[in-house]
Amino acid sequence: MIQVLFVCLGNICRSPMAEAVFRDMVGKAGLADKIGADSAGTSDWHTGEAPHAGTRRILEEHGVDHEGMTARQIHPSDLQKYHYVIAMDSDNLRNLKGLAENGRGDSGHVARLLDFIPEQERKDVPDPFFTGNFEEVYQLVTEGCRRLLQFIREREGI
């Protein structure tokens, strides 16, 4: 099974939103037996907490399930376990690459989510914890996940 890990800072806003949206897309494509998804944060600030209320609200408004999700911190072994490690912004990408460079693991593909949308000028998904704009983040995450799924299907031949 191909494993995808979405990563942001606290794992309560952007990365769980991406995980939920991506899982929904994978399920609707009939690929749940071939592609799995999870999310994590580079910090441990919110470990064990449910996604942010704004994330839960926007997912519910769009009919995307988020039940059972709880925040966790990325573990160095995640870089070996997951085939695709997808950061929400440049800071988290830098942290992930730092883990890999320090000999703590290596992933098959580490990138920012918006890298999969070449025509998108913005490359970092803004943090709605600070901006409050969960709808904007949902739209960016949804398009990024759609393109990521397309990329994985082409690359993996599924």
N, C-alpha and C. Protein backbone atom coordinates (compact mmCIF):
# COMPACT_ATOMS: atom_id res chain seq x y z
N MET A 1 0.84 -1.19 0.00
CA MET A 1 0.00 0.00 0.00
C MET A 1 0.88 1.24 0.00
N ILE A 2 0.53 2.19 -0.82
CA ILE A 2 1.24 3.47 -0.89
C ILE A 2 0.76 4.33 0.28
N GLN A 3 1.71 4.87 1.04
CA GLN A 3 1.38 5.66 2.22
C GLN A 3 1.78 7.12 2.02
N VAL A 4 0.85 8.02 2.35
CA VAL A 4 1.06 9.46 2.21
C VAL A 4 0.93 10.10 3.59
N LEU A 5 1.86 10.96 3.94
CA LEU A 5 1.83 11.68 5.21
C LEU A 5 1.83 13.18 4.94
N PHE A 6 0.82 13.88 5.46
CA PHE A 6 0.73 15.33 5.35
C PHE A 6 1.27 15.94 6.64
N VAL A 7 2.08 17.00 6.51
CA VAL A 7 2.76 17.56 7.68
C VAL A 7 2.60 19.08 7.73
N CYS A 8 2.21 19.58 8.91
CA CYS A 8 2.22 21.01 9.19
C CYS A 8 2.86 21.21 10.56
N LEU A 9 2.69 22.36 11.14
CA LEU A 9 3.35 22.65 12.42
C LEU A 9 2.70 21.92 13.59
N GLY A 10 1.41 22.16 13.82
CA GLY A 10 0.76 21.61 15.01
C GLY A 10 -0.12 20.41 14.77
N ASN A 11 -0.40 20.08 13.52
CA ASN A 11 -1.25 18.94 13.14
C ASN A 11 -2.68 19.10 13.65
N ILE A 12 -3.18 20.35 13.64
CA ILE A 12 -4.59 20.55 14.00
C ILE A 12 -5.38 21.31 12.94
N CYS A 13 -4.70 21.96 12.00
CA CYS A 13 -5.42 22.73 10.98
C CYS A 13 -5.18 22.18 9.58
N ARG A 14 -4.03 22.49 9.01
CA ARG A 14 -3.78 22.19 7.60
C ARG A 14 -3.57 20.71 7.30
N SER A 15 -2.67 20.06 8.02
CA SER A 15 -2.37 18.66 7.68
C SER A 15 -3.54 17.72 7.94
N PRO A 16 -4.31 17.88 9.03
CA PRO A 16 -5.48 16.99 9.15
C PRO A 16 -6.55 17.30 8.10
N MET A 17 -6.64 18.57 7.69
CA MET A 17 -7.57 18.90 6.62
C MET A 17 -7.14 18.19 5.34
N ALA A 18 -5.85 18.24 5.03
CA ALA A 18 -5.35 17.57 3.83
C ALA A 18 -5.54 16.06 3.93
N GLU A 19 -5.27 15.49 5.09
CA GLU A 19 -5.47 14.04 5.28
C GLU A 19 -6.92 13.67 5.00
N ALA A 20 -7.86 14.40 5.60
CA ALA A 20 -9.29 14.09 5.44
C ALA A 20 -9.73 14.26 3.99
N VAL A 21 -9.33 15.34 3.36
CA VAL A 21 -9.70 15.60 1.96
C VAL A 21 -9.11 14.53 1.05
N PHE A 22 -7.84 14.20 1.27
CA PHE A 22 -7.17 13.20 0.43
C PHE A 22 -7.82 11.83 0.60
N ARG A 23 -8.10 11.45 1.84
CA ARG A 23 -8.77 10.16 2.10
C ARG A 23 -10.12 10.10 1.39
N ASP A 24 -10.85 11.22 1.44
CA ASP A 24 -12.15 11.29 0.78
C ASP A 24 -11.98 11.07 -0.73
N MET A 25 -11.01 11.73 -1.33
CA MET A 25 -10.75 11.58 -2.77
C MET A 25 -10.33 10.15 -3.12
N VAL A 26 -9.45 9.60 -2.31
CA VAL A 26 -8.97 8.23 -2.54
C VAL A 26 -10.13 7.25 -2.46
N GLY A 27 -10.99 7.43 -1.46
CA GLY A 27 -12.16 6.56 -1.33
C GLY A 27 -13.10 6.67 -2.51
N LYS A 28 -13.37 7.89 -2.94
CA LYS A 28 -14.26 8.10 -4.08
C LYS A 28 -13.68 7.56 -5.39
N ALA A 29 -12.35 7.48 -5.45
CA ALA A 29 -11.68 6.94 -6.64
C ALA A 29 -11.58 5.41 -6.58
N GLY A 30 -12.06 4.82 -5.47
CA GLY A 30 -12.00 3.37 -5.32
C GLY A 30 -10.60 2.85 -5.07
N LEU A 31 -9.76 3.67 -4.44
CA LEU A 31 -8.35 3.31 -4.24
C LEU A 31 -7.98 3.14 -2.76
N ALA A 32 -8.97 3.03 -1.88
CA ALA A 32 -8.68 2.95 -0.44
C ALA A 32 -7.86 1.71 -0.08
N ASP A 33 -7.89 0.70 -0.92
CA ASP A 33 -7.08 -0.51 -0.67
C ASP A 33 -5.67 -0.37 -1.22
N LYS A 34 -5.39 0.74 -1.91
CA LYS A 34 -4.08 0.94 -2.52
C LYS A 34 -3.31 2.13 -1.96
N ILE A 35 -4.05 3.13 -1.43
CA ILE A 35 -3.40 4.36 -0.94
C ILE A 35 -3.94 4.68 0.45
N GLY A 36 -3.03 4.87 1.40
CA GLY A 36 -3.39 5.28 2.75
C GLY A 36 -2.88 6.68 3.04
N ALA A 37 -3.47 7.33 4.03
CA ALA A 37 -3.05 8.70 4.38
C ALA A 37 -3.06 8.90 5.89
N ASP A 38 -2.19 9.76 6.34
CA ASP A 38 -2.08 10.13 7.74
C ASP A 38 -1.58 11.57 7.78
N SER A 39 -1.49 12.13 8.98
CA SER A 39 -0.93 13.47 9.12
C SER A 39 -0.18 13.57 10.44
N ALA A 40 0.71 14.56 10.51
CA ALA A 40 1.52 14.77 11.70
C ALA A 40 1.98 16.22 11.73
N GLY A 41 2.49 16.63 12.88
CA GLY A 41 3.03 17.98 13.03
C GLY A 41 4.51 17.92 13.36
N THR A 42 5.21 18.99 13.02
CA THR A 42 6.63 19.03 13.37
C THR A 42 6.82 19.40 14.84
N SER A 43 5.79 19.95 15.48
CA SER A 43 5.86 20.27 16.91
C SER A 43 4.97 19.28 17.67
N ASP A 44 5.12 19.28 18.97
CA ASP A 44 4.29 18.41 19.82
C ASP A 44 3.24 19.21 20.60
N TRP A 45 3.00 20.44 20.21
CA TRP A 45 2.14 21.34 20.96
C TRP A 45 0.72 20.82 21.15
N HIS A 46 0.19 20.11 20.17
CA HIS A 46 -1.22 19.71 20.21
C HIS A 46 -1.42 18.20 20.22
N THR A 47 -0.38 17.45 20.55
CA THR A 47 -0.46 15.99 20.53
C THR A 47 -1.69 15.50 21.29
N GLY A 48 -2.44 14.63 20.64
CA GLY A 48 -3.64 14.04 21.25
C GLY A 48 -4.92 14.83 21.06
N GLU A 49 -4.81 16.05 20.53
CA GLU A 49 -5.99 16.90 20.34
C GLU A 49 -6.68 16.58 19.01
N ALA A 50 -7.99 16.83 18.97
CA ALA A 50 -8.77 16.73 17.73
C ALA A 50 -8.38 17.90 16.83
N PRO A 51 -8.72 17.81 15.55
CA PRO A 51 -8.47 18.96 14.67
C PRO A 51 -9.14 20.23 15.21
N HIS A 52 -8.59 21.37 14.85
CA HIS A 52 -9.10 22.69 15.23
C HIS A 52 -10.58 22.78 14.86
N ALA A 53 -11.34 23.51 15.64
CA ALA A 53 -12.78 23.67 15.39
C ALA A 53 -13.05 24.22 13.98
N GLY A 54 -12.21 25.13 13.51
CA GLY A 54 -12.38 25.69 12.16
C GLY A 54 -12.16 24.63 11.09
N THR A 55 -11.22 23.75 11.29
CA THR A 55 -10.97 22.66 10.35
C THR A 55 -12.15 21.70 10.35
N ARG A 56 -12.61 21.34 11.53
CA ARG A 56 -13.77 20.43 11.62
C ARG A 56 -14.99 21.05 10.94
N ARG A 57 -15.22 22.32 11.19
CA ARG A 57 -16.38 23.01 10.61
C ARG A 57 -16.33 23.01 9.08
N ILE A 58 -15.19 23.38 8.52
CA ILE A 58 -15.09 23.48 7.06
C ILE A 58 -15.20 22.10 6.41
N LEU A 59 -14.62 21.09 7.05
CA LEU A 59 -14.75 19.73 6.52
C LEU A 59 -16.20 19.27 6.54
N GLU A 60 -16.89 19.55 7.63
CA GLU A 60 -18.31 19.18 7.74
C GLU A 60 -19.14 19.92 6.69
N GLU A 61 -18.86 21.20 6.48
CA GLU A 61 -19.59 21.98 5.47
C GLU A 61 -19.44 21.37 4.07
N HIS A 62 -18.29 20.74 3.82
CA HIS A 62 -18.02 20.15 2.51
C HIS A 62 -18.27 18.64 2.49
N GLY A 63 -18.83 18.11 3.57
CA GLY A 63 -19.18 16.70 3.62
C GLY A 63 -17.98 15.75 3.67
N VAL A 64 -16.89 16.18 4.31
CA VAL A 64 -15.68 15.37 4.41
C VAL A 64 -15.54 14.88 5.85
N ASP A 65 -15.42 13.58 6.01
CA ASP A 65 -15.31 12.96 7.34
C ASP A 65 -13.96 13.24 7.99
N HIS A 66 -13.98 13.52 9.29
CA HIS A 66 -12.75 13.75 10.06
C HIS A 66 -12.77 13.00 11.38
N GLU A 67 -13.72 12.12 11.55
CA GLU A 67 -13.88 11.41 12.83
C GLU A 67 -12.63 10.61 13.18
N GLY A 68 -12.30 10.64 14.47
CA GLY A 68 -11.21 9.84 14.99
C GLY A 68 -9.82 10.40 14.80
N MET A 69 -9.70 11.55 14.19
CA MET A 69 -8.38 12.13 13.95
C MET A 69 -7.86 12.81 15.21
N THR A 70 -6.59 12.58 15.52
CA THR A 70 -5.94 13.28 16.64
C THR A 70 -4.52 13.67 16.22
N ALA A 71 -4.08 14.77 16.76
CA ALA A 71 -2.76 15.31 16.41
C ALA A 71 -1.65 14.43 16.99
N ARG A 72 -0.57 14.35 16.22
CA ARG A 72 0.63 13.67 16.68
C ARG A 72 1.84 14.38 16.10
N GLN A 73 2.98 14.16 16.72
CA GLN A 73 4.23 14.73 16.21
C GLN A 73 4.88 13.73 15.28
N ILE A 74 5.50 14.24 14.23
CA ILE A 74 6.21 13.36 13.30
C ILE A 74 7.35 12.66 14.03
N HIS A 75 7.57 11.43 13.67
CA HIS A 75 8.66 10.64 14.22
C HIS A 75 9.67 10.39 13.10
N PRO A 76 10.94 10.39 13.40
CA PRO A 76 11.93 10.17 12.34
C PRO A 76 11.65 8.92 11.49
N SER A 77 11.12 7.88 12.09
CA SER A 77 10.83 6.65 11.32
C SER A 77 9.74 6.87 10.28
N ASP A 78 8.94 7.93 10.44
CA ASP A 78 7.91 8.24 9.45
C ASP A 78 8.52 8.50 8.07
N LEU A 79 9.72 9.02 8.05
CA LEU A 79 10.38 9.33 6.78
C LEU A 79 10.75 8.07 6.01
N GLN A 80 10.79 6.95 6.68
CA GLN A 80 11.03 5.67 6.02
C GLN A 80 9.70 4.95 5.72
N LYS A 81 8.74 5.13 6.58
CA LYS A 81 7.46 4.42 6.45
C LYS A 81 6.61 4.95 5.30
N TYR A 82 6.61 6.27 5.10
CA TYR A 82 5.73 6.89 4.13
C TYR A 82 6.43 7.10 2.79
N HIS A 83 5.73 6.79 1.72
CA HIS A 83 6.27 6.94 0.37
C HIS A 83 6.27 8.40 -0.08
N TYR A 84 5.28 9.15 0.39
CA TYR A 84 5.13 10.57 0.05
C TYR A 84 4.93 11.33 1.36
N VAL A 85 5.82 12.27 1.63
CA VAL A 85 5.71 13.12 2.82
C VAL A 85 5.50 14.54 2.30
N ILE A 86 4.32 15.08 2.59
CA ILE A 86 3.87 16.31 1.95
C ILE A 86 3.72 17.42 2.99
N ALA A 87 4.57 18.42 2.88
CA ALA A 87 4.56 19.56 3.81
C ALA A 87 3.58 20.62 3.35
N MET A 88 3.03 21.32 4.30
CA MET A 88 2.09 22.39 3.99
C MET A 88 2.78 23.71 3.67
N ASP A 89 4.03 23.86 4.11
CA ASP A 89 4.75 25.10 3.82
C ASP A 89 6.26 24.89 3.82
N SER A 90 6.98 25.92 3.46
CA SER A 90 8.43 25.85 3.32
C SER A 90 9.13 25.57 4.64
N ASP A 91 8.64 26.14 5.74
CA ASP A 91 9.26 25.89 7.04
C ASP A 91 9.19 24.42 7.41
N ASN A 92 8.03 23.82 7.23
CA ASN A 92 7.88 22.41 7.56
C ASN A 92 8.66 21.53 6.58
N LEU A 93 8.74 21.94 5.33
CA LEU A 93 9.55 21.20 4.36
C LEU A 93 11.02 21.21 4.79
N ARG A 94 11.48 22.37 5.22
CA ARG A 94 12.87 22.49 5.69
C ARG A 94 13.10 21.59 6.90
N ASN A 95 12.15 21.55 7.82
CA ASN A 95 12.27 20.68 9.00
C ASN A 95 12.32 19.21 8.60
N LEU A 96 11.49 18.81 7.63
CA LEU A 96 11.48 17.43 7.17
C LEU A 96 12.80 17.06 6.50
N LYS A 97 13.31 17.96 5.67
CA LYS A 97 14.58 17.69 5.00
C LYS A 97 15.71 17.64 6.02
N GLY A 98 15.60 18.42 7.08
CA GLY A 98 16.59 18.38 8.16
C GLY A 98 16.60 17.03 8.85
N LEU A 99 15.43 16.47 9.08
CA LEU A 99 15.36 15.13 9.68
C LEU A 99 16.06 14.11 8.79
N ALA A 100 15.80 14.19 7.49
CA ALA A 100 16.40 13.24 6.54
C ALA A 100 17.91 13.43 6.46
N GLU A 101 18.36 14.68 6.43
CA GLU A 101 19.80 14.95 6.31
C GLU A 101 20.58 14.54 7.54
N ASN A 102 19.93 14.53 8.68
CA ASN A 102 20.59 14.14 9.92
C ASN A 102 20.64 12.62 10.09
N GLY A 103 20.35 11.91 9.01
CA GLY A 103 20.45 10.46 9.05
C GLY A 103 19.31 9.79 9.79
N ARG A 104 18.22 10.49 9.94
CA ARG A 104 17.10 9.93 10.70
C ARG A 104 16.07 9.27 9.80
N GLY A 105 16.34 9.22 8.56
CA GLY A 105 15.38 8.58 7.67
C GLY A 105 15.42 9.22 6.30
N ASP A 106 14.79 8.56 5.36
CA ASP A 106 14.73 9.08 4.01
C ASP A 106 13.42 8.62 3.39
N SER A 107 12.73 9.52 2.77
CA SER A 107 11.45 9.20 2.17
C SER A 107 11.59 9.15 0.65
N GLY A 108 10.66 8.46 0.02
CA GLY A 108 10.66 8.38 -1.42
C GLY A 108 10.40 9.71 -2.09
N HIS A 109 9.56 10.54 -1.50
CA HIS A 109 9.21 11.81 -2.14
C HIS A 109 8.79 12.81 -1.06
N VAL A 110 9.55 13.87 -0.89
CA VAL A 110 9.23 14.94 0.07
C VAL A 110 9.02 16.21 -0.73
N ALA A 111 7.85 16.85 -0.53
CA ALA A 111 7.52 18.07 -1.28
C ALA A 111 6.48 18.88 -0.52
N ARG A 112 6.25 20.10 -0.99
CA ARG A 112 5.13 20.90 -0.47
C ARG A 112 3.89 20.54 -1.28
N LEU A 113 2.74 20.61 -0.66
CA LEU A 113 1.50 20.27 -1.33
C LEU A 113 1.27 21.14 -2.56
N LEU A 114 1.53 22.42 -2.45
CA LEU A 114 1.25 23.31 -3.57
C LEU A 114 2.27 23.20 -4.70
N ASP A 115 3.34 22.43 -4.49
CA ASP A 115 4.27 22.15 -5.59
C ASP A 115 3.58 21.35 -6.69
N PHE A 116 2.49 20.68 -6.35
CA PHE A 116 1.77 19.86 -7.32
C PHE A 116 0.83 20.70 -8.19
N ILE A 117 0.77 22.00 -7.91
CA ILE A 117 -0.03 22.94 -8.71
C ILE A 117 0.96 23.95 -9.31
N PRO A 118 1.62 23.59 -10.41
CA PRO A 118 2.69 24.45 -10.95
C PRO A 118 2.25 25.87 -11.27
N GLU A 119 1.00 26.05 -11.69
CA GLU A 119 0.53 27.39 -12.03
C GLU A 119 0.18 28.24 -10.81
N GLN A 120 0.16 27.63 -9.63
CA GLN A 120 -0.15 28.35 -8.38
C GLN A 120 1.08 29.16 -7.96
N GLU A 121 0.93 30.47 -7.88
CA GLU A 121 2.05 31.32 -7.48
C GLU A 121 2.42 31.10 -6.02
N ARG A 122 1.42 30.95 -5.19
CA ARG A 122 1.64 30.70 -3.76
C ARG A 122 2.14 29.26 -3.62
N LYS A 123 3.19 29.06 -2.86
CA LYS A 123 3.73 27.71 -2.65
C LYS A 123 3.52 27.21 -1.23
N ASP A 124 3.11 28.10 -0.32
CA ASP A 124 2.85 27.72 1.06
C ASP A 124 1.36 27.83 1.35
N VAL A 125 0.79 26.77 1.92
CA VAL A 125 -0.60 26.83 2.37
C VAL A 125 -0.61 27.69 3.63
N PRO A 126 -1.35 28.81 3.63
CA PRO A 126 -1.35 29.68 4.81
C PRO A 126 -1.97 28.97 6.02
N ASP A 127 -1.49 29.30 7.19
CA ASP A 127 -1.97 28.65 8.41
C ASP A 127 -3.24 29.35 8.90
N PRO A 128 -4.40 28.68 8.82
CA PRO A 128 -5.65 29.32 9.25
C PRO A 128 -5.75 29.50 10.75
N PHE A 129 -4.84 28.88 11.50
CA PHE A 129 -4.78 29.12 12.94
C PHE A 129 -4.52 30.60 13.19
N PHE A 130 -3.74 31.21 12.28
CA PHE A 130 -3.41 32.62 12.40
C PHE A 130 -4.28 33.52 11.52
N THR A 131 -4.62 33.04 10.30
CA THR A 131 -5.39 33.87 9.38
C THR A 131 -6.89 33.78 9.60
N GLY A 132 -7.36 32.64 10.12
CA GLY A 132 -8.80 32.43 10.31
C GLY A 132 -9.53 32.07 9.03
N ASN A 133 -8.83 32.02 7.89
CA ASN A 133 -9.49 31.78 6.61
C ASN A 133 -9.43 30.29 6.25
N PHE A 134 -10.30 29.52 6.87
CA PHE A 134 -10.34 28.08 6.65
C PHE A 134 -10.87 27.72 5.26
N GLU A 135 -11.75 28.54 4.70
CA GLU A 135 -12.28 28.25 3.36
C GLU A 135 -11.18 28.38 2.31
N GLU A 136 -10.36 29.42 2.40
CA GLU A 136 -9.25 29.58 1.46
C GLU A 136 -8.31 28.38 1.54
N VAL A 137 -7.99 27.96 2.75
CA VAL A 137 -7.11 26.82 2.96
C VAL A 137 -7.75 25.56 2.40
N TYR A 138 -9.04 25.38 2.62
CA TYR A 138 -9.74 24.21 2.09
C TYR A 138 -9.63 24.17 0.56
N GLN A 139 -9.83 25.30 -0.09
CA GLN A 139 -9.75 25.33 -1.56
C GLN A 139 -8.33 24.98 -2.05
N LEU A 140 -7.31 25.53 -1.41
CA LEU A 140 -5.93 25.23 -1.79
C LEU A 140 -5.60 23.76 -1.54
N VAL A 141 -5.99 23.26 -0.38
CA VAL A 141 -5.74 21.87 -0.01
C VAL A 141 -6.46 20.93 -0.97
N THR A 142 -7.69 21.24 -1.31
CA THR A 142 -8.46 20.38 -2.19
C THR A 142 -7.81 20.27 -3.57
N GLU A 143 -7.41 21.38 -4.14
CA GLU A 143 -6.76 21.34 -5.44
C GLU A 143 -5.40 20.65 -5.35
N GLY A 144 -4.65 20.94 -4.29
CA GLY A 144 -3.36 20.28 -4.10
C GLY A 144 -3.51 18.77 -3.96
N CYS A 145 -4.49 18.33 -3.20
CA CYS A 145 -4.73 16.90 -3.02
C CYS A 145 -5.19 16.25 -4.33
N ARG A 146 -6.00 16.94 -5.09
CA ARG A 146 -6.46 16.41 -6.38
C ARG A 146 -5.26 16.18 -7.30
N ARG A 147 -4.36 17.16 -7.34
CA ARG A 147 -3.18 17.05 -8.19
C ARG A 147 -2.20 16.00 -7.66
N LEU A 148 -2.07 15.93 -6.33
CA LEU A 148 -1.20 14.93 -5.73
C LEU A 148 -1.70 13.52 -6.07
N LEU A 149 -2.99 13.30 -5.94
CA LEU A 149 -3.56 12.00 -6.27
C LEU A 149 -3.30 11.66 -7.74
N GLN A 150 -3.48 12.62 -8.61
CA GLN A 150 -3.20 12.42 -10.03
C GLN A 150 -1.72 12.05 -10.24
N PHE A 151 -0.83 12.76 -9.57
CA PHE A 151 0.61 12.50 -9.65
C PHE A 151 0.93 11.08 -9.19
N ILE A 152 0.38 10.69 -8.05
CA ILE A 152 0.64 9.35 -7.51
C ILE A 152 0.10 8.28 -8.44
N ARG A 153 -1.10 8.48 -8.95
CA ARG A 153 -1.68 7.49 -9.86
C ARG A 153 -0.81 7.30 -11.11
N GLU A 154 -0.32 8.40 -11.65
CA GLU A 154 0.54 8.31 -12.84
C GLU A 154 1.89 7.68 -12.49
N ARG A 155 2.48 8.12 -11.40
CA ARG A 155 3.81 7.64 -11.01
C ARG A 155 3.80 6.17 -10.60
N GLU A 156 2.73 5.76 -9.91
CA GLU A 156 2.63 4.40 -9.40
C GLU A 156 1.87 3.45 -10.33
N GLY A 157 1.30 4.00 -11.40
CA GLY A 157 0.58 3.17 -12.35
C GLY A 157 -0.70 2.56 -11.82
N ILE A 158 -1.45 3.35 -11.04
CA ILE A 158 -2.73 2.85 -10.49
C ILE A 158 -3.89 3.74 -10.90
